[in-house]
N, C-alpha and C. Protein backbone atom coordinates (compact mmCIF):
# COMPACT_ATOMS: atom_id res chain seq x y z
N UNK A 1 -31.51 5.64 -2.51
CA UNK A 1 -30.59 6.14 -2.17
C UNK A 1 -30.38 6.10 -0.45
N UNK A 2 -31.84 6.55 0.38
CA UNK A 2 -31.46 6.33 1.47
C UNK A 2 -31.07 5.62 2.30
N UNK A 3 -31.22 4.34 1.64
CA UNK A 3 -31.05 2.88 1.82
C UNK A 3 -29.33 3.11 2.14
N UNK A 4 -28.96 3.38 0.77
CA UNK A 4 -27.62 3.25 0.81
C UNK A 4 -26.85 4.18 2.31
N UNK A 5 -27.30 5.37 2.22
CA UNK A 5 -27.04 5.96 3.33
C UNK A 5 -26.99 5.60 4.51
N UNK A 6 -28.30 4.97 5.00
CA UNK A 6 -28.10 4.53 6.09
C UNK A 6 -27.12 3.26 6.46
N UNK A 7 -27.22 2.49 5.22
CA UNK A 7 -26.31 1.34 5.25
C UNK A 7 -25.25 1.53 5.41
N UNK A 8 -24.74 2.58 5.24
CA UNK A 8 -23.30 2.65 4.90
C UNK A 8 -22.92 3.67 6.41
N UNK A 9 -23.67 4.29 6.96
CA UNK A 9 -23.63 4.66 8.57
C UNK A 9 -23.49 4.11 8.98
N UNK A 10 -24.16 2.55 8.95
CA UNK A 10 -23.94 1.43 10.18
C UNK A 10 -22.73 1.03 10.14
N UNK A 11 -22.58 0.94 8.76
CA UNK A 11 -21.10 0.11 8.91
C UNK A 11 -19.78 1.16 8.84
N UNK A 12 -19.94 2.34 8.83
CA UNK A 12 -18.95 2.77 8.76
C UNK A 12 -17.96 3.17 9.91
N UNK A 13 -18.45 2.66 11.05
CA UNK A 13 -17.78 2.88 12.46
C UNK A 13 -16.52 1.46 12.35
N UNK A 14 -17.48 0.29 11.57
CA UNK A 14 -16.80 -1.05 11.64
C UNK A 14 -15.43 -1.02 10.73
N UNK A 15 -15.37 0.04 9.83
CA UNK A 15 -14.49 0.18 8.56
C UNK A 15 -13.69 0.95 9.01
N UNK A 16 -14.04 2.12 9.80
CA UNK A 16 -13.02 2.95 10.15
C UNK A 16 -12.26 2.28 11.42
N UNK A 17 -13.08 1.20 11.86
CA UNK A 17 -11.76 0.49 13.32
C UNK A 17 -11.09 -0.78 12.40
N UNK A 18 -11.48 -1.28 11.56
CA UNK A 18 -10.83 -2.19 10.34
C UNK A 18 -9.51 -1.29 9.82
N UNK A 19 -10.11 -0.08 9.39
CA UNK A 19 -8.60 0.56 8.80
C UNK A 19 -7.80 1.16 9.65
N UNK A 20 -8.40 1.40 10.83
CA UNK A 20 -7.22 1.58 11.76
C UNK A 20 -6.05 0.65 12.22
N UNK A 21 -6.67 -0.69 12.64
CA UNK A 21 -6.43 -1.57 12.92
C UNK A 21 -5.19 -2.17 11.99
N UNK A 22 -5.62 -1.91 10.56
CA UNK A 22 -4.57 -2.36 9.31
C UNK A 22 -3.41 -1.55 9.48
N UNK A 23 -3.88 -0.24 9.31
CA UNK A 23 -2.91 0.85 9.22
C UNK A 23 -1.87 1.14 10.54
N UNK A 24 -2.34 0.96 11.80
CA UNK A 24 -1.65 1.08 12.90
C UNK A 24 0.21 0.27 12.94
N UNK A 25 0.09 -0.84 12.70
CA UNK A 25 1.51 -1.67 12.59
C UNK A 25 2.47 -1.12 11.27
N UNK A 26 1.80 -0.79 10.28
CA UNK A 26 2.41 -0.16 8.92
C UNK A 26 2.76 1.09 9.08
N UNK A 27 2.04 2.00 10.01
CA UNK A 27 2.59 3.14 10.03
C UNK A 27 3.62 3.34 11.19
N UNK A 28 3.48 2.20 12.05
CA UNK A 28 4.88 2.62 13.11
C UNK A 28 6.07 1.87 12.50
N UNK A 29 5.96 0.89 11.24
CA UNK A 29 7.07 0.57 10.82
C UNK A 29 7.44 1.82 9.78
N UNK A 30 6.52 2.65 9.18
CA UNK A 30 6.89 3.71 8.34
C UNK A 30 7.82 4.58 9.03
N UNK A 31 7.20 5.08 10.64
CA UNK A 31 8.18 6.11 11.11
C UNK A 31 9.35 5.51 11.39
N UNK A 32 9.19 4.09 11.68
CA UNK A 32 10.47 3.81 12.07
C UNK A 32 11.68 4.10 10.90
N UNK A 33 11.38 3.74 9.78
CA UNK A 33 12.36 3.95 8.68
C UNK A 33 12.39 5.14 8.17
N UNK A 34 11.62 5.88 8.74
CA UNK A 34 11.35 7.52 8.28
C UNK A 34 12.28 8.27 9.07
N UNK A 35 12.37 7.60 10.40
CA UNK A 35 13.27 8.70 10.97
C UNK A 35 14.93 8.62 10.68
N UNK A 36 15.38 7.38 10.22
CA UNK A 36 16.60 6.68 9.65
C UNK A 36 16.65 7.35 8.46
N UNK A 37 15.97 7.02 7.29
CA UNK A 37 16.20 7.47 6.22
C UNK A 37 15.91 8.58 5.58
N UNK A 38 15.15 9.56 6.65
CA UNK A 38 14.71 10.62 5.73
C UNK A 38 15.11 12.03 6.62
N UNK A 39 16.39 11.77 7.16
CA UNK A 39 17.13 12.70 8.02
C UNK A 39 18.48 13.28 6.67
N UNK A 40 18.49 14.76 6.94
CA UNK A 40 19.38 15.41 6.33
C UNK A 40 20.97 14.62 6.54
N UNK A 41 21.80 14.55 5.67
CA UNK A 41 22.78 14.25 6.06
C UNK A 41 23.90 14.72 7.41
N UNK A 42 24.28 14.38 7.82
CA UNK A 42 25.72 14.96 8.96
C UNK A 42 26.67 15.55 8.20
N UNK A 43 27.18 16.82 9.31
CA UNK A 43 28.65 17.24 8.69
C UNK A 43 29.59 16.16 8.25
N UNK A 44 29.71 15.01 8.89
CA UNK A 44 30.53 13.85 9.12
C UNK A 44 30.14 13.11 7.94
N UNK A 45 29.06 13.23 7.11
CA UNK A 45 28.88 12.12 5.96
C UNK A 45 29.15 13.18 4.90
N UNK A 46 29.49 14.01 4.77
CA UNK A 46 29.44 15.19 3.59
C UNK A 46 30.67 15.07 2.96
N UNK A 47 32.17 14.28 3.72
CA UNK A 47 33.01 14.41 3.08
C UNK A 47 33.03 13.02 2.22
N UNK A 48 32.41 11.88 2.88
CA UNK A 48 31.97 10.91 1.81
C UNK A 48 31.19 10.78 0.60
N UNK A 49 30.07 11.85 0.74
CA UNK A 49 29.23 11.99 -0.37
C UNK A 49 30.16 12.65 -1.24
N UNK A 50 30.73 13.42 -1.06
CA UNK A 50 31.94 14.21 -2.06
C UNK A 50 32.66 13.14 -2.60
N UNK A 51 33.45 12.56 -2.05
CA UNK A 51 34.38 11.45 -2.46
C UNK A 51 33.66 10.63 -3.65
N UNK A 52 32.44 9.97 -3.16
CA UNK A 52 31.51 9.40 -4.05
C UNK A 52 31.40 9.57 -5.12
N UNK A 53 30.80 11.56 -5.24
CA UNK A 53 31.03 12.05 -6.50
C UNK A 53 32.44 12.33 -7.09
N UNK A 54 33.37 12.15 -6.79
CA UNK A 54 34.91 12.26 -7.35
C UNK A 54 34.86 11.16 -7.87
N UNK A 55 34.50 9.50 -7.23
CA UNK A 55 34.62 8.07 -7.47
C UNK A 55 33.77 8.33 -8.89
N UNK A 56 32.81 8.74 -8.95
CA UNK A 56 31.90 8.66 -10.24
C UNK A 56 32.25 9.02 -11.33
N UNK A 57 32.77 10.39 -11.26
CA UNK A 57 33.51 11.39 -12.23
C UNK A 57 34.73 10.80 -12.86
N UNK A 58 35.44 10.15 -11.90
CA UNK A 58 36.64 9.41 -12.60
C UNK A 58 36.40 8.42 -13.15
N UNK A 59 35.26 7.47 -13.04
CA UNK A 59 34.95 6.37 -13.15
C UNK A 59 34.65 6.65 -14.93
N UNK A 60 33.46 7.99 -15.22
CA UNK A 60 33.18 8.67 -16.35
C UNK A 60 34.45 8.64 -17.23
N UNK A 61 35.43 9.29 -16.51
CA UNK A 61 36.89 9.77 -17.63
C UNK A 61 37.15 8.57 -17.95
N UNK A 62 37.77 7.66 -16.61
CA UNK A 62 38.47 6.40 -17.32
C UNK A 62 37.79 5.17 -17.90
N UNK A 63 36.48 5.17 -17.99
CA UNK A 63 35.44 4.26 -18.64
C UNK A 63 35.51 3.01 -17.76
N UNK A 64 36.16 3.00 -16.33
CA UNK A 64 36.15 1.85 -15.64
C UNK A 64 34.27 1.51 -15.06
N UNK A 65 33.48 2.41 -15.37
CA UNK A 65 32.10 1.85 -15.40
C UNK A 65 31.84 0.89 -16.29
N UNK A 66 32.41 0.69 -17.52
CA UNK A 66 32.00 -0.49 -18.24
C UNK A 66 32.12 -1.82 -17.73
N UNK A 67 33.05 -2.23 -16.48
CA UNK A 67 33.51 -3.15 -15.68
C UNK A 67 32.35 -3.49 -15.03
N UNK A 68 31.10 -2.67 -14.65
CA UNK A 68 30.39 -2.70 -13.65
C UNK A 68 29.77 -4.50 -14.40
N UNK A 69 28.96 -4.75 -13.23
CA UNK A 69 28.06 -6.35 -13.37
C UNK A 69 26.49 -5.71 -13.76
N UNK A 70 25.76 -6.58 -14.43
CA UNK A 70 24.60 -6.09 -14.51
C UNK A 70 23.84 -5.59 -13.48
N UNK A 71 23.96 -6.34 -12.61
CA UNK A 71 23.07 -6.24 -11.26
C UNK A 71 23.63 -4.25 -10.83
N UNK A 72 24.87 -3.94 -10.70
CA UNK A 72 25.39 -2.67 -10.63
C UNK A 72 25.11 -1.71 -11.57
N UNK A 73 24.96 -2.03 -12.54
CA UNK A 73 24.70 -0.84 -13.66
C UNK A 73 23.23 -0.61 -13.52
N UNK A 74 22.29 -1.62 -13.53
CA UNK A 74 20.95 -1.74 -13.12
C UNK A 74 20.90 -0.61 -12.05
N UNK A 75 21.37 -1.18 -10.89
CA UNK A 75 20.72 -0.29 -9.58
C UNK A 75 21.34 1.22 -9.63
N UNK A 76 22.49 1.44 -10.44
CA UNK A 76 22.55 2.57 -10.74
C UNK A 76 21.60 3.51 -11.82
N UNK A 77 21.35 2.72 -12.23
CA UNK A 77 20.29 3.41 -13.71
C UNK A 77 19.00 3.53 -12.71
N UNK A 78 18.46 2.74 -12.01
CA UNK A 78 17.45 3.23 -10.75
C UNK A 78 17.48 4.35 -10.03
N UNK A 79 18.89 4.29 -9.35
CA UNK A 79 18.83 5.74 -8.64
C UNK A 79 19.39 6.85 -9.34
N UNK A 80 19.62 6.55 -10.64
CA UNK A 80 19.70 7.82 -11.11
C UNK A 80 18.04 8.58 -11.76
N UNK A 81 17.60 7.38 -12.35
CA UNK A 81 15.83 7.45 -12.60
C UNK A 81 15.24 7.95 -11.16
N UNK A 82 15.49 7.41 -10.32
CA UNK A 82 14.56 8.01 -9.24
C UNK A 82 15.03 9.34 -9.09
N UNK A 83 16.34 9.81 -8.72
CA UNK A 83 16.91 11.14 -8.45
C UNK A 83 16.11 12.29 -9.84
N UNK A 84 16.00 11.91 -10.87
CA UNK A 84 15.76 12.76 -12.06
C UNK A 84 13.77 12.96 -11.58
N UNK A 85 13.45 11.75 -11.22
CA UNK A 85 11.68 11.90 -11.00
C UNK A 85 11.48 12.81 -9.86
N UNK A 86 12.36 12.47 -8.67
CA UNK A 86 11.85 13.64 -7.66
C UNK A 86 12.60 14.77 -8.37
N UNK A 87 13.34 15.29 -8.70
CA UNK A 87 13.58 16.46 -9.43
C UNK A 87 12.32 17.05 -10.29
N UNK A 88 11.69 16.15 -11.28
CA UNK A 88 10.53 16.54 -11.54
C UNK A 88 9.39 16.58 -11.07
N UNK A 89 9.48 16.07 -9.84
CA UNK A 89 7.93 16.04 -8.66
C UNK A 89 8.44 17.41 -7.94
N UNK A 90 9.54 17.80 -7.74
CA UNK A 90 9.62 19.05 -7.04
C UNK A 90 9.52 20.32 -8.00
N UNK A 91 9.83 20.31 -9.31
CA UNK A 91 9.55 21.23 -10.29
C UNK A 91 8.04 21.30 -10.57
N UNK A 92 7.35 20.35 -10.63
CA UNK A 92 5.74 20.57 -10.66
C UNK A 92 5.29 21.12 -9.29
N UNK A 93 5.65 20.42 -8.10
CA UNK A 93 5.11 21.04 -6.96
C UNK A 93 5.55 22.61 -6.78
N UNK A 94 6.46 23.11 -7.14
CA UNK A 94 6.73 24.54 -7.35
C UNK A 94 6.23 25.34 -8.07
N UNK A 95 5.75 24.42 -9.37
CA UNK A 95 5.45 25.51 -10.49
C UNK A 95 3.62 25.37 -10.24
N UNK A 96 3.33 24.53 -9.37
CA UNK A 96 1.86 24.28 -8.29
C UNK A 96 0.85 23.51 -10.22
N UNK A 97 1.68 23.17 -10.61
CA UNK A 97 0.74 22.33 -12.13
C UNK A 97 1.37 21.73 -12.92
N UNK A 98 0.88 20.91 -13.59
CA UNK A 98 1.74 20.03 -14.70
C UNK A 98 2.04 20.53 -16.07
N UNK A 99 1.20 21.48 -15.97
CA UNK A 99 1.05 22.21 -17.61
C UNK A 99 2.56 22.89 -17.88
N UNK A 100 2.75 22.26 -19.15
CA UNK A 100 4.18 22.93 -19.61
C UNK A 100 5.33 21.46 -19.83
N UNK A 101 5.22 20.52 -18.79
CA UNK A 101 6.41 19.42 -18.75
C UNK A 101 5.39 18.31 -19.67
N UNK A 102 6.62 17.55 -20.32
CA UNK A 102 6.20 16.32 -21.33
C UNK A 102 5.94 15.34 -20.54
N UNK A 103 5.29 14.84 -19.76
CA UNK A 103 4.81 13.81 -18.96
C UNK A 103 4.46 12.59 -19.53
């Protein structure tokens, strides 16, 4: 056990250096996208979102969603699933536990 700890202590600085070198460019890219994608909508974007929601409701009423391509339908399904999953994750975080959910 002592040999393992000593061996780890000798290699730890090199591992940390390698991890930092590996992570730095990826974190820069992440923050670059996060600054753009994770901002709340501006007041100018809210009417466009409302119009989009109205369009979806109208599509459901008229049945025009049946004329979507497979790719469009798949993307819509993935977006809906993502929103649904984030809702559940928020519920679990708010409840501070996973007990009580059919996961």
